[in-house]
Amino acid sequence: MTKKNENGDYARMLYVMHGMSLTEIAAELGIAYRTLQNWKAEGEWGKERASFVRAKENTSHSLNIELANIIRSIEKKRAASEEVDMELYERISLLVKSIGLSRKNEMNSPKPKQGKLSAGEALEKINKILKGEEL
C-alpha cells in the first residue's frame, strides 16, 4: 500500500469514525487541508460519516431500551415477590459491558439523553436492585 493510500485511509477513519475535523486531521497528519477536502469529496466521506453516526446512535438507543425493559421486568417481579431468573441479571451484565465498550470507544462521547441510563447509572441501579434498596 502506498503512503498516499495509507494516509488517505487513516484520514478517512479519523473523519468518519472519530468525528475529527479536516483542520484537526491536517494538523495531526501533516497533510494539506485542500488535499483532505479533495479526498473527502472523492470518497464521499460526509455520507459515510452520517451513516456511521446514525448506526452508532441506533445501536446505543437499542441497547438502552433493552436494558430499561429488563430492569422494569426485574422491578415488577421483585414488587410481586416473584423469583427473578438469573438470566436477566446476566443479560444486564452483557448489555452494560456493551454500552461501556461503545462509550469507551467514542472520542467525543455525547451526554446521555434524558430518560436514558449511562453505563455507570445502570450499574448503580442494578446494585440497588440486588441489595433490595430499590424496586
N, C-alpha and C. Protein backbone atom coordinates (compact mmCIF):
# COMPACT_ATOMS: atom_id res chain seq x y z
N MET A 1 0.85 -1.18 0.00
CA MET A 1 0.00 0.00 0.00
C MET A 1 0.89 1.24 0.00
N THR A 2 0.57 2.21 -0.83
CA THR A 2 1.38 3.41 -0.91
C THR A 2 1.14 4.32 0.29
N LYS A 3 2.08 5.21 0.50
CA LYS A 3 1.96 6.16 1.60
C LYS A 3 0.69 6.99 1.47
N LYS A 4 0.36 7.39 0.21
CA LYS A 4 -0.84 8.18 -0.03
C LYS A 4 -2.09 7.40 0.40
N ASN A 5 -2.16 6.14 0.01
CA ASN A 5 -3.31 5.31 0.38
C ASN A 5 -3.41 5.12 1.89
N GLU A 6 -2.26 4.87 2.54
CA GLU A 6 -2.25 4.70 3.99
C GLU A 6 -2.75 5.96 4.68
N ASN A 7 -2.21 7.12 4.27
CA ASN A 7 -2.63 8.38 4.87
C ASN A 7 -4.09 8.67 4.58
N GLY A 8 -4.52 8.38 3.35
CA GLY A 8 -5.91 8.62 2.97
C GLY A 8 -6.87 7.76 3.77
N ASP A 9 -6.53 6.49 3.95
CA ASP A 9 -7.37 5.59 4.73
C ASP A 9 -7.43 6.02 6.19
N TYR A 10 -6.28 6.41 6.72
CA TYR A 10 -6.23 6.83 8.12
C TYR A 10 -6.99 8.14 8.30
N ALA A 11 -6.82 9.08 7.39
CA ALA A 11 -7.53 10.35 7.46
C ALA A 11 -9.04 10.12 7.38
N ARG A 12 -9.46 9.23 6.48
CA ARG A 12 -10.88 8.90 6.34
C ARG A 12 -11.42 8.32 7.64
N MET A 13 -10.68 7.42 8.28
CA MET A 13 -11.11 6.83 9.54
C MET A 13 -11.26 7.91 10.62
N LEU A 14 -10.28 8.81 10.69
CA LEU A 14 -10.34 9.88 11.69
C LEU A 14 -11.57 10.76 11.48
N TYR A 15 -11.87 11.03 10.22
CA TYR A 15 -13.02 11.89 9.89
C TYR A 15 -14.34 11.16 10.12
N VAL A 16 -14.46 9.97 9.58
CA VAL A 16 -15.74 9.24 9.62
C VAL A 16 -16.02 8.69 11.02
N MET A 17 -15.08 7.96 11.59
CA MET A 17 -15.34 7.22 12.82
C MET A 17 -15.05 8.00 14.09
N HIS A 18 -14.14 8.94 14.01
CA HIS A 18 -13.77 9.67 15.23
C HIS A 18 -14.27 11.11 15.24
N GLY A 19 -14.91 11.52 14.14
CA GLY A 19 -15.54 12.83 14.11
C GLY A 19 -14.59 14.01 14.10
N MET A 20 -13.34 13.78 13.71
CA MET A 20 -12.38 14.88 13.67
C MET A 20 -12.66 15.78 12.47
N SER A 21 -12.33 17.04 12.62
CA SER A 21 -12.49 17.98 11.50
C SER A 21 -11.29 17.83 10.55
N LEU A 22 -11.47 18.33 9.33
CA LEU A 22 -10.36 18.29 8.38
C LEU A 22 -9.17 19.10 8.89
N THR A 23 -9.44 20.19 9.56
CA THR A 23 -8.36 21.02 10.13
C THR A 23 -7.55 20.23 11.15
N GLU A 24 -8.24 19.50 12.02
CA GLU A 24 -7.55 18.69 13.03
C GLU A 24 -6.73 17.58 12.37
N ILE A 25 -7.32 16.95 11.36
CA ILE A 25 -6.63 15.86 10.66
C ILE A 25 -5.40 16.40 9.93
N ALA A 26 -5.55 17.55 9.29
CA ALA A 26 -4.42 18.17 8.58
C ALA A 26 -3.26 18.42 9.54
N ALA A 27 -3.58 18.95 10.72
CA ALA A 27 -2.54 19.24 11.70
C ALA A 27 -1.89 17.96 12.22
N GLU A 28 -2.71 16.95 12.48
CA GLU A 28 -2.18 15.71 13.05
C GLU A 28 -1.33 14.92 12.06
N LEU A 29 -1.77 14.87 10.82
CA LEU A 29 -1.07 14.04 9.84
C LEU A 29 -0.10 14.82 8.95
N GLY A 30 -0.13 16.14 9.03
CA GLY A 30 0.75 16.94 8.18
C GLY A 30 0.36 16.89 6.71
N ILE A 31 -0.93 16.78 6.45
CA ILE A 31 -1.44 16.75 5.08
C ILE A 31 -2.15 18.08 4.82
N ALA A 32 -1.98 18.59 3.62
CA ALA A 32 -2.61 19.87 3.27
C ALA A 32 -4.13 19.77 3.40
N TYR A 33 -4.72 20.81 3.94
CA TYR A 33 -6.17 20.87 4.12
C TYR A 33 -6.90 20.65 2.80
N ARG A 34 -6.40 21.28 1.74
CA ARG A 34 -7.03 21.17 0.42
C ARG A 34 -7.00 19.72 -0.08
N THR A 35 -5.91 19.02 0.19
CA THR A 35 -5.82 17.60 -0.18
C THR A 35 -6.91 16.80 0.52
N LEU A 36 -7.09 17.08 1.80
CA LEU A 36 -8.13 16.38 2.56
C LEU A 36 -9.52 16.70 2.02
N GLN A 37 -9.74 17.95 1.64
CA GLN A 37 -11.03 18.33 1.04
C GLN A 37 -11.29 17.52 -0.23
N ASN A 38 -10.26 17.38 -1.05
CA ASN A 38 -10.40 16.61 -2.28
C ASN A 38 -10.72 15.15 -1.98
N TRP A 39 -9.97 14.54 -1.05
CA TRP A 39 -10.21 13.16 -0.68
C TRP A 39 -11.62 12.98 -0.12
N LYS A 40 -12.05 13.94 0.71
CA LYS A 40 -13.39 13.88 1.31
C LYS A 40 -14.45 13.87 0.20
N ALA A 41 -14.31 14.76 -0.77
CA ALA A 41 -15.28 14.86 -1.86
C ALA A 41 -15.27 13.61 -2.74
N GLU A 42 -14.07 13.15 -3.10
CA GLU A 42 -13.93 11.96 -3.96
C GLU A 42 -14.48 10.71 -3.28
N GLY A 43 -14.23 10.58 -2.00
CA GLY A 43 -14.62 9.37 -1.28
C GLY A 43 -15.97 9.45 -0.60
N GLU A 44 -16.64 10.58 -0.74
CA GLU A 44 -17.94 10.79 -0.10
C GLU A 44 -17.89 10.52 1.41
N TRP A 45 -16.88 11.08 2.04
CA TRP A 45 -16.71 10.89 3.48
C TRP A 45 -17.89 11.43 4.27
N GLY A 46 -18.49 12.51 3.80
CA GLY A 46 -19.62 13.11 4.53
C GLY A 46 -20.79 12.14 4.66
N LYS A 47 -21.12 11.46 3.55
CA LYS A 47 -22.21 10.47 3.59
C LYS A 47 -21.84 9.31 4.50
N GLU A 48 -20.58 8.90 4.41
CA GLU A 48 -20.12 7.78 5.23
C GLU A 48 -20.19 8.13 6.71
N ARG A 49 -19.79 9.36 7.04
CA ARG A 49 -19.82 9.81 8.43
C ARG A 49 -21.26 9.84 8.95
N ALA A 50 -22.17 10.37 8.15
CA ALA A 50 -23.58 10.44 8.56
C ALA A 50 -24.15 9.05 8.81
N SER A 51 -23.83 8.10 7.94
CA SER A 51 -24.29 6.72 8.11
C SER A 51 -23.71 6.10 9.37
N PHE A 52 -22.44 6.35 9.61
CA PHE A 52 -21.76 5.81 10.79
C PHE A 52 -22.40 6.35 12.07
N VAL A 53 -22.65 7.66 12.09
CA VAL A 53 -23.25 8.29 13.28
C VAL A 53 -24.65 7.73 13.53
N ARG A 54 -25.45 7.60 12.46
CA ARG A 54 -26.80 7.04 12.61
C ARG A 54 -26.75 5.61 13.15
N ALA A 55 -25.87 4.81 12.61
CA ALA A 55 -25.75 3.42 13.06
C ALA A 55 -25.33 3.35 14.53
N LYS A 56 -24.40 4.21 14.91
CA LYS A 56 -23.93 4.23 16.30
C LYS A 56 -25.06 4.65 17.24
N GLU A 57 -25.82 5.67 16.84
CA GLU A 57 -26.93 6.13 17.67
C GLU A 57 -28.01 5.07 17.78
N ASN A 58 -28.32 4.39 16.68
CA ASN A 58 -29.34 3.34 16.70
C ASN A 58 -28.93 2.19 17.60
N THR A 59 -27.67 1.81 17.54
CA THR A 59 -27.17 0.73 18.38
C THR A 59 -27.25 1.12 19.85
N SER A 60 -26.80 2.31 20.17
CA SER A 60 -26.84 2.79 21.55
C SER A 60 -28.28 2.86 22.05
N HIS A 61 -29.16 3.38 21.23
CA HIS A 61 -30.57 3.50 21.60
C HIS A 61 -31.17 2.12 21.87
N SER A 62 -30.90 1.16 21.00
CA SER A 62 -31.43 -0.19 21.16
C SER A 62 -30.92 -0.84 22.45
N LEU A 63 -29.64 -0.66 22.74
CA LEU A 63 -29.07 -1.23 23.97
C LEU A 63 -29.73 -0.62 25.20
N ASN A 64 -29.94 0.70 25.17
CA ASN A 64 -30.57 1.38 26.31
C ASN A 64 -32.02 0.93 26.50
N ILE A 65 -32.75 0.75 25.41
CA ILE A 65 -34.14 0.30 25.50
C ILE A 65 -34.20 -1.10 26.10
N GLU A 66 -33.35 -1.99 25.59
CA GLU A 66 -33.34 -3.36 26.11
C GLU A 66 -32.98 -3.39 27.59
N LEU A 67 -32.00 -2.59 27.98
CA LEU A 67 -31.60 -2.51 29.39
C LEU A 67 -32.76 -2.02 30.25
N ALA A 68 -33.43 -0.97 29.82
CA ALA A 68 -34.55 -0.42 30.59
C ALA A 68 -35.68 -1.45 30.71
N ASN A 69 -35.95 -2.20 29.65
CA ASN A 69 -37.01 -3.22 29.69
C ASN A 69 -36.67 -4.34 30.68
N ILE A 70 -35.42 -4.75 30.70
CA ILE A 70 -35.01 -5.81 31.63
C ILE A 70 -35.11 -5.32 33.07
N ILE A 71 -34.66 -4.09 33.30
CA ILE A 71 -34.73 -3.55 34.67
C ILE A 71 -36.18 -3.44 35.12
N ARG A 72 -37.08 -2.99 34.24
CA ARG A 72 -38.51 -2.91 34.58
C ARG A 72 -39.07 -4.30 34.91
N SER A 73 -38.66 -5.28 34.13
CA SER A 73 -39.12 -6.65 34.36
C SER A 73 -38.67 -7.15 35.74
N ILE A 74 -37.43 -6.87 36.09
CA ILE A 74 -36.91 -7.27 37.40
C ILE A 74 -37.67 -6.54 38.51
N GLU A 75 -37.89 -5.23 38.31
CA GLU A 75 -38.61 -4.44 39.33
C GLU A 75 -40.02 -4.99 39.55
N LYS A 76 -40.71 -5.35 38.47
CA LYS A 76 -42.07 -5.90 38.59
C LYS A 76 -42.06 -7.23 39.34
N LYS A 77 -41.10 -8.09 39.00
CA LYS A 77 -41.01 -9.39 39.67
C LYS A 77 -40.73 -9.21 41.16
N ARG A 78 -39.83 -8.30 41.48
CA ARG A 78 -39.50 -8.07 42.89
C ARG A 78 -40.68 -7.48 43.64
N ALA A 79 -41.40 -6.57 42.99
CA ALA A 79 -42.57 -5.96 43.62
C ALA A 79 -43.65 -7.01 43.89
N ALA A 80 -43.75 -8.02 43.03
CA ALA A 80 -44.74 -9.08 43.19
C ALA A 80 -44.17 -10.25 44.01
N SER A 81 -43.00 -10.04 44.59
CA SER A 81 -42.30 -11.07 45.39
C SER A 81 -42.06 -12.35 44.60
N GLU A 82 -41.86 -12.20 43.30
CA GLU A 82 -41.56 -13.35 42.45
C GLU A 82 -40.05 -13.52 42.35
N GLU A 83 -39.64 -14.75 42.11
CA GLU A 83 -38.22 -15.03 41.94
C GLU A 83 -37.75 -14.46 40.59
N VAL A 84 -36.58 -13.84 40.61
CA VAL A 84 -36.02 -13.26 39.39
C VAL A 84 -35.00 -14.24 38.81
N ASP A 85 -35.19 -14.59 37.56
CA ASP A 85 -34.30 -15.51 36.87
C ASP A 85 -32.91 -14.88 36.73
N MET A 86 -31.89 -15.61 37.08
CA MET A 86 -30.52 -15.10 36.99
C MET A 86 -30.13 -14.72 35.57
N GLU A 87 -30.80 -15.31 34.59
CA GLU A 87 -30.51 -14.98 33.19
C GLU A 87 -30.73 -13.48 32.92
N LEU A 88 -31.71 -12.89 33.61
CA LEU A 88 -31.96 -11.45 33.43
C LEU A 88 -30.75 -10.64 33.90
N TYR A 89 -30.18 -11.04 35.03
CA TYR A 89 -29.00 -10.33 35.54
C TYR A 89 -27.80 -10.51 34.61
N GLU A 90 -27.69 -11.72 34.04
CA GLU A 90 -26.60 -11.97 33.09
C GLU A 90 -26.76 -11.12 31.84
N ARG A 91 -28.01 -10.98 31.37
CA ARG A 91 -28.27 -10.12 30.20
C ARG A 91 -27.93 -8.67 30.51
N ILE A 92 -28.27 -8.22 31.72
CA ILE A 92 -27.94 -6.85 32.12
C ILE A 92 -26.43 -6.67 32.10
N SER A 93 -25.72 -7.63 32.65
CA SER A 93 -24.26 -7.53 32.69
C SER A 93 -23.69 -7.40 31.29
N LEU A 94 -24.17 -8.20 30.34
CA LEU A 94 -23.69 -8.12 28.96
C LEU A 94 -24.04 -6.79 28.32
N LEU A 95 -25.25 -6.32 28.57
CA LEU A 95 -25.66 -5.03 28.00
C LEU A 95 -24.81 -3.89 28.55
N VAL A 96 -24.59 -3.90 29.85
CA VAL A 96 -23.79 -2.84 30.47
C VAL A 96 -22.37 -2.85 29.91
N LYS A 97 -21.81 -4.05 29.71
CA LYS A 97 -20.47 -4.15 29.12
C LYS A 97 -20.48 -3.60 27.69
N SER A 98 -21.52 -3.95 26.93
CA SER A 98 -21.63 -3.45 25.55
C SER A 98 -21.74 -1.94 25.51
N ILE A 99 -22.57 -1.39 26.39
CA ILE A 99 -22.74 0.06 26.45
C ILE A 99 -21.43 0.71 26.86
N GLY A 100 -20.77 0.13 27.86
CA GLY A 100 -19.49 0.68 28.32
C GLY A 100 -18.44 0.66 27.23
N LEU A 101 -18.36 -0.44 26.48
CA LEU A 101 -17.38 -0.52 25.40
C LEU A 101 -17.68 0.49 24.31
N SER A 102 -18.95 0.66 23.97
CA SER A 102 -19.28 1.61 22.91
C SER A 102 -18.95 3.03 23.35
N ARG A 103 -19.16 3.33 24.62
CA ARG A 103 -18.83 4.67 25.11
C ARG A 103 -17.32 4.87 25.23
N LYS A 104 -16.63 3.83 25.63
CA LYS A 104 -15.18 3.92 25.76
C LYS A 104 -14.52 4.20 24.41
N ASN A 105 -15.11 3.64 23.35
CA ASN A 105 -14.55 3.80 22.02
C ASN A 105 -14.87 5.14 21.37
N GLU A 106 -15.76 5.89 21.97
CA GLU A 106 -16.10 7.19 21.40
C GLU A 106 -15.10 8.23 21.89
N MET A 107 -14.58 9.01 20.97
CA MET A 107 -13.65 10.06 21.37
C MET A 107 -14.40 11.22 22.02
N ASN A 108 -15.50 11.61 21.44
CA ASN A 108 -16.31 12.70 21.97
C ASN A 108 -17.66 12.13 22.35
N SER A 109 -17.70 11.51 23.50
CA SER A 109 -18.91 10.85 23.93
C SER A 109 -20.01 11.86 24.22
N PRO A 110 -21.18 11.70 23.57
CA PRO A 110 -22.28 12.62 23.83
C PRO A 110 -22.86 12.40 25.21
N LYS A 111 -23.47 13.43 25.78
CA LYS A 111 -24.10 13.29 27.08
C LYS A 111 -25.32 12.40 26.92
N PRO A 112 -25.61 11.56 27.93
CA PRO A 112 -26.79 10.70 27.82
C PRO A 112 -28.04 11.56 27.66
N LYS A 113 -28.95 11.12 26.80
CA LYS A 113 -30.20 11.84 26.62
C LYS A 113 -31.09 11.61 27.82
N GLN A 114 -31.94 12.58 28.09
CA GLN A 114 -32.84 12.49 29.23
C GLN A 114 -33.66 11.21 29.15
N GLY A 115 -33.78 10.52 30.27
CA GLY A 115 -34.55 9.30 30.31
C GLY A 115 -33.74 8.05 30.01
N LYS A 116 -32.49 8.21 29.63
CA LYS A 116 -31.64 7.06 29.35
C LYS A 116 -30.60 6.93 30.45
N LEU A 117 -30.19 5.71 30.72
CA LEU A 117 -29.18 5.46 31.73
C LEU A 117 -27.81 5.35 31.09
N SER A 118 -26.82 5.97 31.73
CA SER A 118 -25.45 5.73 31.30
C SER A 118 -25.04 4.37 31.86
N ALA A 119 -23.92 3.84 31.41
CA ALA A 119 -23.46 2.54 31.89
C ALA A 119 -23.25 2.59 33.41
N GLY A 120 -22.67 3.67 33.90
CA GLY A 120 -22.44 3.81 35.34
C GLY A 120 -23.74 3.88 36.13
N GLU A 121 -24.71 4.64 35.60
CA GLU A 121 -26.01 4.75 36.26
C GLU A 121 -26.72 3.39 36.28
N ALA A 122 -26.58 2.65 35.18
CA ALA A 122 -27.20 1.33 35.11
C ALA A 122 -26.61 0.41 36.16
N LEU A 123 -25.28 0.44 36.31
CA LEU A 123 -24.64 -0.40 37.32
C LEU A 123 -25.10 -0.04 38.73
N GLU A 124 -25.21 1.27 38.99
CA GLU A 124 -25.70 1.71 40.31
C GLU A 124 -27.11 1.19 40.55
N LYS A 125 -27.97 1.34 39.55
CA LYS A 125 -29.36 0.88 39.68
C LYS A 125 -29.41 -0.63 39.90
N ILE A 126 -28.60 -1.38 39.17
CA ILE A 126 -28.57 -2.83 39.33
C ILE A 126 -28.14 -3.20 40.74
N ASN A 127 -27.09 -2.54 41.24
CA ASN A 127 -26.62 -2.83 42.60
C ASN A 127 -27.68 -2.54 43.63
N LYS A 128 -28.43 -1.44 43.47
CA LYS A 128 -29.51 -1.11 44.40
C LYS A 128 -30.61 -2.15 44.35
N ILE A 129 -30.94 -2.61 43.14
CA ILE A 129 -31.98 -3.64 42.99
C ILE A 129 -31.52 -4.92 43.66
N LEU A 130 -30.28 -5.31 43.43
CA LEU A 130 -29.76 -6.55 44.02
C LEU A 130 -29.73 -6.48 45.54
N LYS A 131 -29.48 -5.30 46.09
CA LYS A 131 -29.44 -5.13 47.54
C LYS A 131 -30.84 -4.95 48.13
N GLY A 132 -31.85 -4.83 47.25
CA GLY A 132 -33.21 -4.64 47.72
C GLY A 132 -33.51 -3.22 48.13
N GLU A 133 -32.65 -2.28 47.77
CA GLU A 133 -32.85 -0.88 48.15
C GLU A 133 -33.82 -0.16 47.23
N GLU A 134 -34.02 -0.73 46.04
CA GLU A 134 -34.86 -0.05 45.05
C GLU A 134 -35.68 -1.08 44.31
N LEU A 135 -36.91 -0.75 44.05
CA LEU A 135 -37.78 -1.62 43.26
C LEU A 135 -38.02 -1.02 41.92
